[in-house]
Protein backbone atom coordinates (compact mmCIF):
# COMPACT_ATOMS: atom_id res chain seq x y z
CA MET A 1 -0.07 -0.07 -0.04
CA GLY A 2 1.71 3.57 -0.97
CA HIS A 3 0.88 6.20 1.27
CA LEU A 4 -2.31 8.24 0.25
CA SER A 5 -2.70 11.75 -0.91
CA VAL A 6 -5.52 13.29 0.81
CA SER A 7 -8.04 15.32 -1.67
CA PRO A 8 -11.33 16.85 -1.69
CA ILE A 9 -14.80 14.79 -1.34
CA HIS A 10 -17.49 16.24 -2.94
CA THR A 11 -21.48 14.68 -2.47
CA GLU A 12 -24.88 16.29 -3.10
CA ARG A 13 -24.05 18.99 0.35
CA LEU A 14 -20.85 18.69 1.39
CA VAL A 15 -17.35 19.25 0.27
CA LEU A 16 -14.65 17.21 2.38
CA LEU A 17 -11.70 19.48 2.35
CA PRO A 18 -8.75 18.68 3.44
CA LEU A 19 -7.15 19.76 6.79
CA ARG A 20 -5.46 22.65 6.79
CA VAL A 21 -4.29 24.96 10.27
CA GLU A 22 -6.05 27.69 9.08
CA HIS A 23 -9.48 25.67 9.58
CA ALA A 24 -8.51 26.03 13.72
CA GLU A 25 -10.17 29.56 14.25
CA GLU A 26 -13.62 28.26 12.48
CA MET A 27 -13.08 24.17 14.24
CA ALA A 28 -12.95 26.12 17.33
CA GLY A 29 -15.88 27.20 17.13
CA VAL A 30 -17.80 24.06 16.07
CA LEU A 31 -16.01 22.09 18.78
CA ALA A 32 -16.82 24.75 21.28
CA ASP A 33 -19.74 22.54 22.66
CA PRO A 34 -18.77 20.89 26.18
CA ASP A 35 -20.84 17.75 25.36
CA VAL A 36 -18.88 17.15 22.01
CA SER A 37 -15.85 17.78 23.54
CA ALA A 38 -16.05 15.27 26.62
CA ARG A 39 -17.20 12.37 24.05
CA PHE A 40 -14.34 13.12 22.12
CA PHE A 41 -11.30 14.74 23.57
CA GLY A 42 -12.02 12.94 26.60
CA GLY A 43 -13.49 15.82 28.95
CA GLY A 44 -12.13 18.72 30.04
CA GLU A 45 -12.39 22.75 28.13
CA PRO A 46 -13.08 22.31 24.71
CA PRO A 47 -10.00 23.00 22.67
CA SER A 48 -9.06 26.53 21.83
CA VAL A 49 -7.70 27.80 18.63
CA GLU A 50 -4.46 27.52 19.90
CA ARG A 51 -5.16 24.24 20.81
CA LEU A 52 -5.92 23.12 17.56
CA ARG A 53 -3.47 24.64 15.59
CA ALA A 54 -0.82 22.45 17.54
CA ALA A 55 -2.87 19.74 16.78
CA TYR A 56 -3.42 20.53 13.21
CA GLU A 57 0.25 21.27 12.31
CA TRP A 58 0.96 18.32 13.67
CA LEU A 59 -1.48 16.27 12.06
CA LEU A 60 -0.47 17.76 9.03
CA ALA A 61 3.18 17.36 9.54
CA THR A 62 2.71 13.21 9.90
CA SER A 63 0.18 12.93 7.05
CA SER A 64 3.03 14.50 5.19
CA ASP A 65 5.40 11.86 5.51
CA THR A 66 5.40 9.86 2.81
CA ASP A 67 7.91 7.12 3.88
CA SER A 68 5.60 6.06 6.56
CA THR A 69 3.35 2.84 5.70
CA ILE A 70 0.62 4.72 8.01
CA SER A 71 -1.82 7.16 5.79
CA TRP A 72 -3.65 10.02 8.51
CA CYS A 73 -5.90 11.37 6.32
CA ASN A 74 -7.90 14.21 7.54
CA TRP A 75 -11.04 16.36 6.30
CA VAL A 76 -12.78 18.84 7.71
CA ILE A 77 -16.84 18.79 6.77
CA HIS A 78 -18.14 21.90 4.83
CA LEU A 79 -21.82 22.19 4.57
CA ARG A 80 -22.01 23.99 1.21
CA GLU A 81 -25.55 25.73 2.06
CA ALA A 82 -24.23 27.58 4.97
CA TYR A 83 -20.94 28.36 3.76
CA CYS A 84 -19.47 26.97 7.23
CA LEU A 85 -17.83 23.86 8.94
CA THR A 86 -19.62 20.81 10.50
CA GLY A 87 -16.99 18.98 11.89
CA PHE A 88 -14.42 17.12 11.01
CA VAL A 89 -13.67 12.80 10.04
CA GLN A 90 -10.55 11.32 10.30
CA ALA A 91 -9.00 8.03 8.54
CA THR A 92 -5.71 5.95 9.68
CA VAL A 93 -5.08 3.41 7.06
CA SER A 94 -2.43 1.14 7.84
CA PRO A 95 -1.51 -2.38 6.61
CA SER A 96 -2.90 -5.50 7.75
CA ASP A 97 -2.70 -8.75 7.28
CA ARG A 98 -5.97 -8.70 5.11
CA GLY A 99 -5.35 -5.98 3.39
CA PRO A 100 -5.01 -1.83 4.07
CA SER A 101 -7.45 -1.15 6.79
CA ALA A 102 -8.47 2.03 8.03
CA ALA A 103 -9.75 3.18 11.69
CA VAL A 104 -12.34 5.80 11.23
CA SER A 105 -14.11 9.06 13.18
CA MET A 106 -15.51 11.66 13.12
CA VAL A 107 -17.13 14.67 15.33
CA VAL A 108 -20.19 16.93 13.56
CA GLY A 109 -20.68 20.01 16.12
CA SER A 110 -23.79 19.98 17.87
CA PRO A 111 -25.62 22.57 16.06
CA TRP A 112 -25.65 20.12 12.60
CA GLN A 113 -26.34 17.37 14.47
CA GLY A 114 -29.80 15.15 13.37
CA ARG A 115 -29.51 16.23 9.39
CA GLY A 116 -27.80 13.37 7.96
CA ILE A 117 -24.33 15.30 7.69
CA GLY A 118 -22.59 12.59 9.94
CA LYS A 119 -24.28 9.52 7.49
CA GLU A 120 -24.00 11.75 4.23
CA THR A 121 -19.96 12.19 5.29
CA ALA A 122 -19.43 8.24 6.24
CA ARG A 123 -20.62 7.23 2.97
CA ALA A 124 -18.17 9.60 1.33
CA LEU A 125 -15.41 8.45 3.23
CA ARG A 126 -16.28 5.50 2.36
CA GLY A 127 -16.57 5.22 -0.79
CA TRP A 128 -13.43 7.86 -0.89
CA LEU A 129 -11.53 4.75 0.97
CA HIS A 130 -12.87 2.18 -1.73
CA SER A 131 -11.46 3.93 -4.39
CA ARG A 132 -8.37 3.73 -3.19
CA ARG A 133 -8.45 -0.35 -2.17
CA VAL A 134 -8.79 0.39 1.12
CA ASP A 135 -12.13 -2.25 1.82
CA ILE A 136 -11.34 -2.30 5.57
CA VAL A 137 -12.89 0.06 7.95
CA VAL A 138 -13.44 -0.25 11.67
CA ALA A 139 -14.60 2.48 14.18
CA ASN A 140 -14.69 2.23 17.91
CA ILE A 141 -18.10 3.46 19.31
CA HIS A 142 -19.71 3.43 22.65
CA PRO A 143 -22.50 1.23 22.87
CA ASP A 144 -25.27 3.67 24.19
CA ASN A 145 -24.03 6.24 21.12
CA ARG A 146 -27.24 5.38 18.97
CA ALA A 147 -26.43 8.16 16.67
CA SER A 148 -22.88 6.91 15.61
CA ARG A 149 -24.13 3.54 15.60
CA ALA A 150 -26.60 4.66 13.08
CA VAL A 151 -23.69 6.65 11.06
CA ALA A 152 -21.60 3.63 10.98
CA ASP A 153 -24.52 1.04 10.09
CA SER A 154 -25.14 3.92 6.86
CA ALA A 155 -21.55 3.29 5.86
CA GLY A 156 -21.65 -0.40 5.23
CA LEU A 157 -20.12 -1.31 9.21
CA THR A 158 -21.27 -3.73 11.58
CA PRO A 159 -20.90 -4.32 15.10
CA THR A 160 -18.29 -7.26 16.29
CA ALA A 161 -17.49 -9.05 19.39
CA GLN A 162 -14.45 -7.18 19.81
CA ARG A 163 -14.53 -4.57 22.56
CA TYR A 164 -12.01 -1.62 23.43
CA ASP A 165 -12.47 0.49 26.55
CA ASP A 166 -15.94 0.55 27.15
CA THR A 167 -16.17 0.88 22.95
CA VAL A 168 -17.45 -1.74 20.76
CA LEU A 169 -15.55 -2.32 17.08
CA TRP A 170 -17.61 -1.65 14.09
CA GLN A 171 -16.57 -3.18 10.96
CA SER A 172 -17.10 -3.58 7.38
CA HIS A 173 -17.38 -6.60 5.73
CA GLY A 174 -17.09 -7.47 2.05
CA THR A 175 -15.20 -4.83 -0.87
CA GLY A 176 -18.69 -3.05 -2.16
CA GLU A 177 -19.80 0.04 -1.34
CA PRO A 178 -21.82 1.23 1.16
CA GLY A 179 -24.43 -1.25 2.03
CA GLU A 180 -22.79 -4.38 0.29
CA GLN A 181 -22.40 -7.33 2.03
């Protein structure tokens, strides 16, 4: 598996834009809800602009290492109709004994939840990964998080018996587009 270069992903309503340091200011607002930061960032205060800039600089430096066997793919989710960022999605792609595998995660800001943005993003990401021959997709989801379970299901992932801390491993099966088994 070669190093993957992140490119924009277009859907009907969204553009998944490759992450840039300049996104930190707007993303700090997206992630300002303490409930979102508690679920995704392990509690504490929502990330500041400075903290996000530092994190994005590190992610971009790491993702540009073309000698690595791991591809760190990061996007922000842009909602076209509102011309704003609504969250982010990431895929860490690495080799496995069954072929390239992607561990994925996503955060959609509170004001945009419940509008299908997560499902649309997940299906688009799964399609992008599939087009690059990454057919094994996994996500760790808390069993009480109905929204994340619905998003994973829409992208063709199903729960497994594997547990990690307090989460369940969800995994794609088959090599088709989302929904194909």
